[in-house]
Amino acid sequence: MAEAPDEWDWKLAKVPSPLTDDQERDKADKDKARERERKKRREKEKKDLKSRQLVEATELAAALSASLTLTDADAIEALISKIRAKKAAVEFDLSPAQARVAALRAEQDAFTDPTARRRREAGARAAALEARLGMAAGGAAGGAGGGGGGGGGEGGGGGGG
């Protein structure tokens, strides 16, 4: 339009007036400024994301260390899988948590395994039997020992008299 203003009916075509050189430079400057702002905003978002990830990683680390005292293997495994899924900014040593899960699973297996359960119950019955026999033997031995000690004292006194 700037080169051929009279060849066409620019108003009828609803074409805006051409930009002057100053206007084009202003527009280019505005575009560059917008791009710089966009770039700054992206960098700030990246920093914010990293700081949020660091805070989250710290929280996960605290939860992981606290989980080592838990007795629920499923909860610990859920936390481990959450840490793995997050691919956290901080590297975690998951071996203590995994060892705790393995120990808890072994305990659970010991309680749910029929053979281990039978062994445990047999041990409890044997301990109860020993306690009863110990009481019976201890009561009889205590009575016999007390009487025997008293008799031995009398016998010793009679032999000396």
N, C-alpha and C. Protein backbone atom coordinates (compact mmCIF):
# COMPACT_ATOMS: atom_id res chain seq x y z
N MET A 1 0.81 -1.18 0.00
CA MET A 1 0.00 0.00 0.00
C MET A 1 0.86 1.26 0.00
N ALA A 2 1.98 1.19 0.74
CA ALA A 2 2.83 2.37 0.78
C ALA A 2 3.46 2.65 -0.58
N GLU A 3 3.67 1.61 -1.37
CA GLU A 3 4.32 1.79 -2.67
C GLU A 3 3.32 2.16 -3.77
N ALA A 4 2.08 1.71 -3.63
CA ALA A 4 1.08 2.00 -4.66
C ALA A 4 -0.22 2.42 -4.00
N PRO A 5 -0.27 3.63 -3.46
CA PRO A 5 -1.45 4.03 -2.71
C PRO A 5 -2.70 4.26 -3.57
N ASP A 6 -2.51 4.55 -4.86
CA ASP A 6 -3.66 4.89 -5.69
C ASP A 6 -4.14 3.76 -6.58
N GLU A 7 -3.46 2.65 -6.62
CA GLU A 7 -3.84 1.56 -7.52
C GLU A 7 -5.09 0.83 -7.06
N TRP A 8 -5.32 0.78 -5.77
CA TRP A 8 -6.44 0.02 -5.24
C TRP A 8 -7.27 0.89 -4.31
N ASP A 9 -8.45 0.43 -4.05
CA ASP A 9 -9.28 1.11 -3.06
C ASP A 9 -9.01 0.41 -1.73
N TRP A 10 -8.02 0.90 -1.02
CA TRP A 10 -7.55 0.25 0.19
C TRP A 10 -8.58 0.32 1.32
N LYS A 11 -9.37 1.40 1.33
CA LYS A 11 -10.39 1.53 2.37
C LYS A 11 -11.50 0.52 2.16
N LEU A 12 -11.89 0.31 0.91
CA LEU A 12 -12.92 -0.66 0.61
C LEU A 12 -12.43 -2.08 0.95
N ALA A 13 -11.16 -2.35 0.73
CA ALA A 13 -10.58 -3.66 1.05
C ALA A 13 -10.31 -3.80 2.54
N LYS A 14 -10.49 -2.72 3.27
CA LYS A 14 -10.27 -2.69 4.73
C LYS A 14 -8.84 -3.11 5.12
N VAL A 15 -7.92 -2.62 4.36
CA VAL A 15 -6.51 -2.86 4.64
C VAL A 15 -6.02 -1.71 5.50
N PRO A 16 -5.37 -2.01 6.63
CA PRO A 16 -4.89 -0.92 7.48
C PRO A 16 -3.79 -0.12 6.79
N SER A 17 -3.60 1.07 7.27
CA SER A 17 -2.57 1.92 6.67
C SER A 17 -1.20 1.31 6.92
N PRO A 18 -0.25 1.57 6.04
CA PRO A 18 1.08 0.96 6.20
C PRO A 18 1.82 1.57 7.39
N LEU A 19 2.71 0.73 7.93
CA LEU A 19 3.54 1.21 9.03
C LEU A 19 4.70 2.00 8.48
N THR A 20 5.01 3.04 9.18
CA THR A 20 6.20 3.80 8.79
C THR A 20 7.41 3.07 9.35
N ASP A 21 8.57 3.52 8.96
CA ASP A 21 9.80 2.88 9.45
C ASP A 21 9.90 2.98 10.98
N ASP A 22 9.51 4.12 11.53
CA ASP A 22 9.55 4.29 12.98
C ASP A 22 8.58 3.32 13.66
N GLN A 23 7.40 3.18 13.09
CA GLN A 23 6.41 2.26 13.66
C GLN A 23 6.90 0.82 13.59
N GLU A 24 7.53 0.46 12.49
CA GLU A 24 8.07 -0.91 12.35
C GLU A 24 9.16 -1.17 13.39
N ARG A 25 10.02 -0.18 13.61
CA ARG A 25 11.08 -0.33 14.61
C ARG A 25 10.46 -0.45 16.01
N ASP A 26 9.46 0.38 16.29
CA ASP A 26 8.78 0.30 17.59
C ASP A 26 8.15 -1.07 17.79
N LYS A 27 7.52 -1.56 16.74
CA LYS A 27 6.89 -2.88 16.83
C LYS A 27 7.94 -3.96 17.06
N ALA A 28 9.05 -3.88 16.35
CA ALA A 28 10.12 -4.86 16.54
C ALA A 28 10.67 -4.79 17.97
N ASP A 29 10.84 -3.57 18.48
CA ASP A 29 11.32 -3.40 19.86
C ASP A 29 10.34 -4.00 20.85
N LYS A 30 9.05 -3.75 20.64
CA LYS A 30 8.04 -4.32 21.52
C LYS A 30 8.06 -5.85 21.47
N ASP A 31 8.22 -6.39 20.27
CA ASP A 31 8.28 -7.85 20.13
C ASP A 31 9.48 -8.42 20.88
N LYS A 32 10.62 -7.73 20.74
CA LYS A 32 11.82 -8.19 21.44
C LYS A 32 11.63 -8.10 22.96
N ALA A 33 11.02 -7.01 23.42
CA ALA A 33 10.78 -6.85 24.85
C ALA A 33 9.83 -7.94 25.35
N ARG A 34 8.79 -8.24 24.58
CA ARG A 34 7.86 -9.32 24.95
C ARG A 34 8.60 -10.65 25.04
N GLU A 35 9.46 -10.90 24.07
CA GLU A 35 10.21 -12.16 24.05
C GLU A 35 11.15 -12.24 25.26
N ARG A 36 11.79 -11.10 25.61
CA ARG A 36 12.66 -11.10 26.79
C ARG A 36 11.85 -11.39 28.06
N GLU A 37 10.67 -10.77 28.17
CA GLU A 37 9.81 -11.01 29.33
C GLU A 37 9.38 -12.47 29.39
N ARG A 38 9.02 -13.02 28.25
CA ARG A 38 8.60 -14.42 28.19
C ARG A 38 9.75 -15.33 28.62
N LYS A 39 10.96 -14.99 28.16
CA LYS A 39 12.12 -15.80 28.52
C LYS A 39 12.40 -15.70 30.02
N LYS A 40 12.30 -14.49 30.60
CA LYS A 40 12.49 -14.31 32.03
C LYS A 40 11.45 -15.10 32.82
N ARG A 41 10.21 -15.05 32.35
CA ARG A 41 9.13 -15.76 33.02
C ARG A 41 9.39 -17.27 32.99
N ARG A 42 9.84 -17.78 31.83
CA ARG A 42 10.15 -19.21 31.74
C ARG A 42 11.28 -19.59 32.69
N GLU A 43 12.33 -18.77 32.75
CA GLU A 43 13.44 -19.07 33.66
C GLU A 43 12.99 -19.04 35.12
N LYS A 44 12.12 -18.08 35.46
CA LYS A 44 11.60 -18.00 36.82
C LYS A 44 10.76 -19.23 37.14
N GLU A 45 9.95 -19.66 36.18
CA GLU A 45 9.14 -20.87 36.38
C GLU A 45 10.02 -22.09 36.58
N LYS A 46 11.11 -22.17 35.83
CA LYS A 46 12.05 -23.29 36.01
C LYS A 46 12.65 -23.27 37.40
N LYS A 47 13.06 -22.08 37.87
CA LYS A 47 13.63 -21.97 39.21
C LYS A 47 12.60 -22.36 40.26
N ASP A 48 11.37 -21.88 40.08
CA ASP A 48 10.30 -22.22 41.02
C ASP A 48 10.05 -23.72 41.03
N LEU A 49 10.04 -24.31 39.86
CA LEU A 49 9.83 -25.75 39.76
C LEU A 49 10.94 -26.51 40.47
N LYS A 50 12.18 -26.08 40.27
CA LYS A 50 13.29 -26.74 40.94
C LYS A 50 13.20 -26.59 42.46
N SER A 51 12.83 -25.39 42.91
CA SER A 51 12.72 -25.21 44.36
C SER A 51 11.56 -26.03 44.92
N ARG A 52 10.45 -26.13 44.19
CA ARG A 52 9.34 -26.98 44.64
C ARG A 52 9.77 -28.43 44.68
N GLN A 53 10.53 -28.87 43.67
CA GLN A 53 11.01 -30.24 43.65
C GLN A 53 11.96 -30.50 44.82
N LEU A 54 12.78 -29.52 45.14
CA LEU A 54 13.70 -29.68 46.27
C LEU A 54 12.94 -29.78 47.58
N VAL A 55 11.92 -28.95 47.75
CA VAL A 55 11.10 -29.02 48.96
C VAL A 55 10.39 -30.37 49.02
N GLU A 56 9.85 -30.79 47.89
CA GLU A 56 9.16 -32.08 47.85
C GLU A 56 10.13 -33.22 48.15
N ALA A 57 11.34 -33.13 47.61
CA ALA A 57 12.34 -34.16 47.86
C ALA A 57 12.71 -34.20 49.34
N THR A 58 12.80 -33.03 49.97
CA THR A 58 13.10 -32.98 51.40
C THR A 58 11.97 -33.63 52.20
N GLU A 59 10.73 -33.33 51.80
CA GLU A 59 9.59 -33.94 52.49
C GLU A 59 9.58 -35.46 52.29
N LEU A 60 9.90 -35.90 51.08
CA LEU A 60 9.95 -37.34 50.81
C LEU A 60 11.06 -38.01 51.63
N ALA A 61 12.19 -37.31 51.75
CA ALA A 61 13.30 -37.87 52.55
C ALA A 61 12.89 -38.01 54.01
N ALA A 62 12.19 -37.00 54.52
CA ALA A 62 11.72 -37.07 55.91
C ALA A 62 10.71 -38.20 56.07
N ALA A 63 9.81 -38.32 55.11
CA ALA A 63 8.82 -39.39 55.18
C ALA A 63 9.49 -40.76 55.07
N LEU A 64 10.51 -40.84 54.24
CA LEU A 64 11.22 -42.12 54.08
C LEU A 64 11.93 -42.51 55.36
N SER A 65 12.59 -41.55 56.00
CA SER A 65 13.28 -41.89 57.26
C SER A 65 12.28 -42.22 58.35
N ALA A 66 11.14 -41.55 58.35
CA ALA A 66 10.10 -41.87 59.34
C ALA A 66 9.47 -43.22 59.06
N SER A 67 9.44 -43.61 57.80
CA SER A 67 8.79 -44.88 57.43
C SER A 67 9.58 -46.09 57.92
N LEU A 68 10.84 -45.90 58.23
CA LEU A 68 11.64 -47.04 58.67
C LEU A 68 11.17 -47.56 60.03
N THR A 69 10.38 -46.78 60.74
CA THR A 69 9.84 -47.23 62.02
C THR A 69 8.45 -47.84 61.85
N LEU A 70 7.89 -47.75 60.65
CA LEU A 70 6.55 -48.30 60.42
C LEU A 70 6.57 -49.82 60.42
N THR A 71 5.41 -50.38 60.65
CA THR A 71 5.29 -51.84 60.58
C THR A 71 4.42 -52.25 59.41
N ASP A 72 4.08 -51.32 58.55
CA ASP A 72 3.25 -51.61 57.38
C ASP A 72 4.13 -51.60 56.14
N ALA A 73 4.44 -52.77 55.63
CA ALA A 73 5.31 -52.89 54.46
C ALA A 73 4.68 -52.24 53.24
N ASP A 74 3.36 -52.32 53.11
CA ASP A 74 2.69 -51.72 51.95
C ASP A 74 2.86 -50.21 51.94
N ALA A 75 2.80 -49.58 53.10
CA ALA A 75 2.96 -48.13 53.17
C ALA A 75 4.39 -47.73 52.78
N ILE A 76 5.36 -48.50 53.22
CA ILE A 76 6.75 -48.19 52.87
C ILE A 76 6.96 -48.39 51.37
N GLU A 77 6.42 -49.48 50.83
CA GLU A 77 6.55 -49.71 49.39
C GLU A 77 5.86 -48.62 48.58
N ALA A 78 4.73 -48.13 49.05
CA ALA A 78 4.04 -47.05 48.36
C ALA A 78 4.90 -45.80 48.34
N LEU A 79 5.57 -45.52 49.44
CA LEU A 79 6.45 -44.35 49.51
C LEU A 79 7.65 -44.53 48.58
N ILE A 80 8.20 -45.72 48.54
CA ILE A 80 9.33 -45.99 47.64
C ILE A 80 8.90 -45.80 46.19
N SER A 81 7.74 -46.33 45.83
CA SER A 81 7.29 -46.19 44.44
C SER A 81 6.97 -44.73 44.12
N LYS A 82 6.49 -43.97 45.11
CA LYS A 82 6.22 -42.55 44.90
C LYS A 82 7.53 -41.81 44.64
N ILE A 83 8.57 -42.16 45.39
CA ILE A 83 9.87 -41.53 45.20
C ILE A 83 10.41 -41.87 43.81
N ARG A 84 10.28 -43.12 43.41
CA ARG A 84 10.76 -43.52 42.09
C ARG A 84 9.97 -42.84 40.98
N ALA A 85 8.66 -42.68 41.17
CA ALA A 85 7.82 -42.06 40.15
C ALA A 85 8.14 -40.58 40.00
N LYS A 86 8.47 -39.92 41.09
CA LYS A 86 8.76 -38.49 41.06
C LYS A 86 10.09 -38.20 40.38
N LYS A 87 10.99 -39.17 40.43
CA LYS A 87 12.34 -38.95 39.93
C LYS A 87 12.87 -37.64 40.51
N ALA A 88 12.89 -37.62 41.81
CA ALA A 88 13.16 -36.41 42.57
C ALA A 88 14.52 -35.81 42.23
N ALA A 89 14.63 -34.53 42.54
CA ALA A 89 15.86 -33.80 42.26
C ALA A 89 17.01 -34.29 43.14
N VAL A 90 16.67 -34.84 44.28
CA VAL A 90 17.69 -35.35 45.21
C VAL A 90 17.74 -36.86 45.08
N GLU A 91 18.94 -37.40 45.08
CA GLU A 91 19.11 -38.85 44.98
C GLU A 91 18.88 -39.47 46.35
N PHE A 92 18.07 -40.51 46.39
CA PHE A 92 17.73 -41.17 47.65
C PHE A 92 18.43 -42.51 47.73
N ASP A 93 18.82 -42.87 48.96
CA ASP A 93 19.32 -44.21 49.22
C ASP A 93 18.13 -45.02 49.72
N LEU A 94 17.59 -45.83 48.84
CA LEU A 94 16.38 -46.59 49.17
C LEU A 94 16.69 -47.93 49.83
N SER A 95 17.97 -48.29 49.94
CA SER A 95 18.30 -49.62 50.46
C SER A 95 17.82 -49.85 51.90
N PRO A 96 17.91 -48.87 52.83
CA PRO A 96 17.37 -49.15 54.17
C PRO A 96 15.87 -49.41 54.16
N ALA A 97 15.16 -48.64 53.35
CA ALA A 97 13.71 -48.83 53.26
C ALA A 97 13.38 -50.17 52.64
N GLN A 98 14.14 -50.54 51.61
CA GLN A 98 13.90 -51.83 50.96
C GLN A 98 14.23 -52.98 51.91
N ALA A 99 15.28 -52.82 52.72
CA ALA A 99 15.63 -53.85 53.70
C ALA A 99 14.53 -53.97 54.75
N ARG A 100 13.97 -52.81 55.16
CA ARG A 100 12.88 -52.83 56.14
C ARG A 100 11.65 -53.53 55.57
N VAL A 101 11.35 -53.28 54.30
CA VAL A 101 10.21 -53.95 53.64
C VAL A 101 10.45 -55.45 53.60
N ALA A 102 11.68 -55.84 53.26
CA ALA A 102 11.99 -57.27 53.19
C ALA A 102 11.84 -57.93 54.57
N ALA A 103 12.30 -57.24 55.61
CA ALA A 103 12.18 -57.79 56.97
C ALA A 103 10.71 -57.89 57.38
N LEU A 104 9.93 -56.87 57.05
CA LEU A 104 8.50 -56.91 57.39
C LEU A 104 7.79 -58.01 56.62
N ARG A 105 8.15 -58.17 55.36
CA ARG A 105 7.55 -59.25 54.55
C ARG A 105 7.91 -60.61 55.13
N ALA A 106 9.17 -60.75 55.59
CA ALA A 106 9.58 -62.03 56.19
C ALA A 106 8.79 -62.29 57.47
N GLU A 107 8.57 -61.23 58.27
CA GLU A 107 7.76 -61.39 59.48
C GLU A 107 6.33 -61.79 59.12
N GLN A 108 5.79 -61.12 58.12
CA GLN A 108 4.43 -61.44 57.70
C GLN A 108 4.33 -62.86 57.20
N ASP A 109 5.34 -63.29 56.44
CA ASP A 109 5.35 -64.66 55.93
C ASP A 109 5.45 -65.66 57.08
N ALA A 110 6.22 -65.29 58.11
CA ALA A 110 6.35 -66.18 59.25
C ALA A 110 5.00 -66.36 59.95
N PHE A 111 4.19 -65.33 59.95
CA PHE A 111 2.88 -65.43 60.59
C PHE A 111 1.85 -66.08 59.68
N THR A 112 2.01 -65.95 58.38
CA THR A 112 1.01 -66.50 57.47
C THR A 112 1.39 -67.87 56.92
N ASP A 113 2.67 -68.23 57.00
CA ASP A 113 3.11 -69.54 56.51
C ASP A 113 2.60 -70.62 57.46
N PRO A 114 1.86 -71.62 56.96
CA PRO A 114 1.29 -72.65 57.83
C PRO A 114 2.34 -73.43 58.61
N THR A 115 3.44 -73.74 57.99
CA THR A 115 4.49 -74.51 58.68
C THR A 115 5.08 -73.68 59.82
N ALA A 116 5.37 -72.42 59.54
CA ALA A 116 5.93 -71.56 60.58
C ALA A 116 4.92 -71.36 61.70
N ARG A 117 3.64 -71.25 61.33
CA ARG A 117 2.59 -71.09 62.34
C ARG A 117 2.51 -72.32 63.24
N ARG A 118 2.58 -73.52 62.63
CA ARG A 118 2.55 -74.75 63.42
C ARG A 118 3.75 -74.82 64.36
N ARG A 119 4.92 -74.43 63.86
CA ARG A 119 6.12 -74.44 64.70
C ARG A 119 5.98 -73.47 65.87
N ARG A 120 5.45 -72.29 65.58
CA ARG A 120 5.25 -71.30 66.62
C ARG A 120 4.26 -71.79 67.68
N GLU A 121 3.17 -72.36 67.21
CA GLU A 121 2.17 -72.88 68.15
C GLU A 121 2.73 -74.04 68.97
N ALA A 122 3.52 -74.91 68.33
CA ALA A 122 4.12 -76.03 69.06
C ALA A 122 5.09 -75.51 70.11
N GLY A 123 5.83 -74.48 69.77
CA GLY A 123 6.75 -73.89 70.75
C GLY A 123 6.01 -73.29 71.93
N ALA A 124 4.88 -72.64 71.63
CA ALA A 124 4.08 -72.06 72.71
C ALA A 124 3.50 -73.15 73.60
N ARG A 125 3.02 -74.24 72.99
CA ARG A 125 2.48 -75.35 73.79
C ARG A 125 3.57 -75.98 74.64
N ALA A 126 4.76 -76.12 74.06
CA ALA A 126 5.87 -76.72 74.81
C ALA A 126 6.27 -75.83 75.98
N ALA A 127 6.29 -74.53 75.75
CA ALA A 127 6.64 -73.61 76.84
C ALA A 127 5.58 -73.66 77.94
N ALA A 128 4.31 -73.74 77.56
CA ALA A 128 3.25 -73.83 78.56
C ALA A 128 3.35 -75.13 79.34
N LEU A 129 3.66 -76.21 78.63
CA LEU A 129 3.80 -77.51 79.29
C LEU A 129 4.98 -77.48 80.26
N GLU A 130 6.09 -76.91 79.83
CA GLU A 130 7.26 -76.81 80.71
C GLU A 130 6.94 -75.97 81.93
N ALA A 131 6.17 -74.91 81.73
CA ALA A 131 5.81 -74.07 82.87
C ALA A 131 4.95 -74.85 83.85
N ARG A 132 3.99 -75.63 83.32
CA ARG A 132 3.14 -76.43 84.21
C ARG A 132 3.95 -77.51 84.91
N LEU A 133 4.79 -78.19 84.16
CA LEU A 133 5.62 -79.24 84.76
C LEU A 133 6.62 -78.64 85.74
N GLY A 134 7.11 -77.50 85.43
CA GLY A 134 8.05 -76.83 86.33
C GLY A 134 7.36 -76.47 87.63
N MET A 135 6.12 -76.03 87.52
CA MET A 135 5.37 -75.70 88.74
C MET A 135 5.11 -76.97 89.54
N ALA A 136 4.70 -78.03 88.86
CA ALA A 136 4.41 -79.27 89.56
C ALA A 136 5.69 -79.84 90.15
N ALA A 137 6.74 -79.85 89.35
CA ALA A 137 8.01 -80.37 89.84
C ALA A 137 8.59 -79.43 90.89
N GLY A 138 8.42 -78.15 90.67
CA GLY A 138 8.94 -77.16 91.63
C GLY A 138 8.16 -77.22 92.92
N GLY A 139 6.83 -77.42 92.83
CA GLY A 139 6.01 -77.53 94.03
C GLY A 139 6.38 -78.80 94.78
N ALA A 140 6.53 -79.90 94.06
CA ALA A 140 6.90 -81.16 94.69
C ALA A 140 8.35 -81.09 95.17
N ALA A 141 9.19 -80.54 94.33
CA ALA A 141 10.60 -80.45 94.72
C ALA A 141 10.77 -79.44 95.84
N GLY A 142 9.99 -78.37 95.79
CA GLY A 142 10.08 -77.36 96.85
C GLY A 142 9.60 -77.95 98.16
N GLY A 143 8.51 -78.71 98.12
CA GLY A 143 8.01 -79.35 99.34
C GLY A 143 8.97 -80.41 99.81
N ALA A 144 9.48 -81.21 98.87
CA ALA A 144 10.42 -82.27 99.24
C ALA A 144 11.73 -81.66 99.66
N GLY A 145 12.13 -80.61 98.97
CA GLY A 145 13.41 -79.99 99.32
C GLY A 145 13.31 -79.32 100.68
N GLY A 146 12.17 -78.68 100.95
CA GLY A 146 11.99 -78.02 102.24
C GLY A 146 11.88 -79.06 103.33
N GLY A 147 11.13 -80.12 103.06
CA GLY A 147 11.00 -81.19 104.05
C GLY A 147 12.31 -81.94 104.17
N GLY A 148 12.96 -82.14 103.06
CA GLY A 148 14.23 -82.87 103.09
C GLY A 148 15.28 -82.07 103.81
N GLY A 149 15.24 -80.76 103.62
CA GLY A 149 16.21 -79.91 104.30
C GLY A 149 15.91 -79.90 105.79
N GLY A 150 14.63 -79.87 106.11
CA GLY A 150 14.25 -79.90 107.53
C GLY A 150 14.57 -81.26 108.13
N GLY A 151 14.29 -82.31 107.34
CA GLY A 151 14.58 -83.66 107.81
C GLY A 151 16.06 -83.87 107.94
N GLY A 152 16.79 -83.28 106.99
CA GLY A 152 18.25 -83.41 107.03
C GLY A 152 18.79 -82.71 108.24
N GLY A 153 18.15 -81.60 108.63
CA GLY A 153 18.57 -80.86 109.83
C GLY A 153 18.27 -81.68 111.08
N GLU A 154 17.10 -82.32 111.05
CA GLU A 154 16.77 -83.14 112.21
C GLU A 154 17.68 -84.36 112.26
N GLY A 155 17.86 -84.93 111.09
CA GLY A 155 18.71 -86.12 111.05
C GLY A 155 20.13 -85.77 111.47
N GLY A 156 20.56 -84.61 111.06
CA GLY A 156 21.91 -84.19 111.44
C GLY A 156 21.98 -83.91 112.94
N GLY A 157 20.88 -83.36 113.47
CA GLY A 157 20.85 -83.06 114.91
C GLY A 157 20.76 -84.35 115.72
N GLY A 158 19.99 -85.36 115.18
CA GLY A 158 19.85 -86.63 115.91
C GLY A 158 21.14 -87.41 115.91
N GLY A 159 21.86 -87.29 114.78
CA GLY A 159 23.10 -88.06 114.70
C GLY A 159 24.15 -87.45 115.61
N GLY A 160 24.06 -86.15 115.86
CA GLY A 160 25.05 -85.49 116.70
C GLY A 160 24.69 -85.59 118.17
N GLY A 161 23.39 -85.96 118.54
CA GLY A 161 22.94 -85.91 119.92
C GLY A 161 23.09 -87.18 120.61
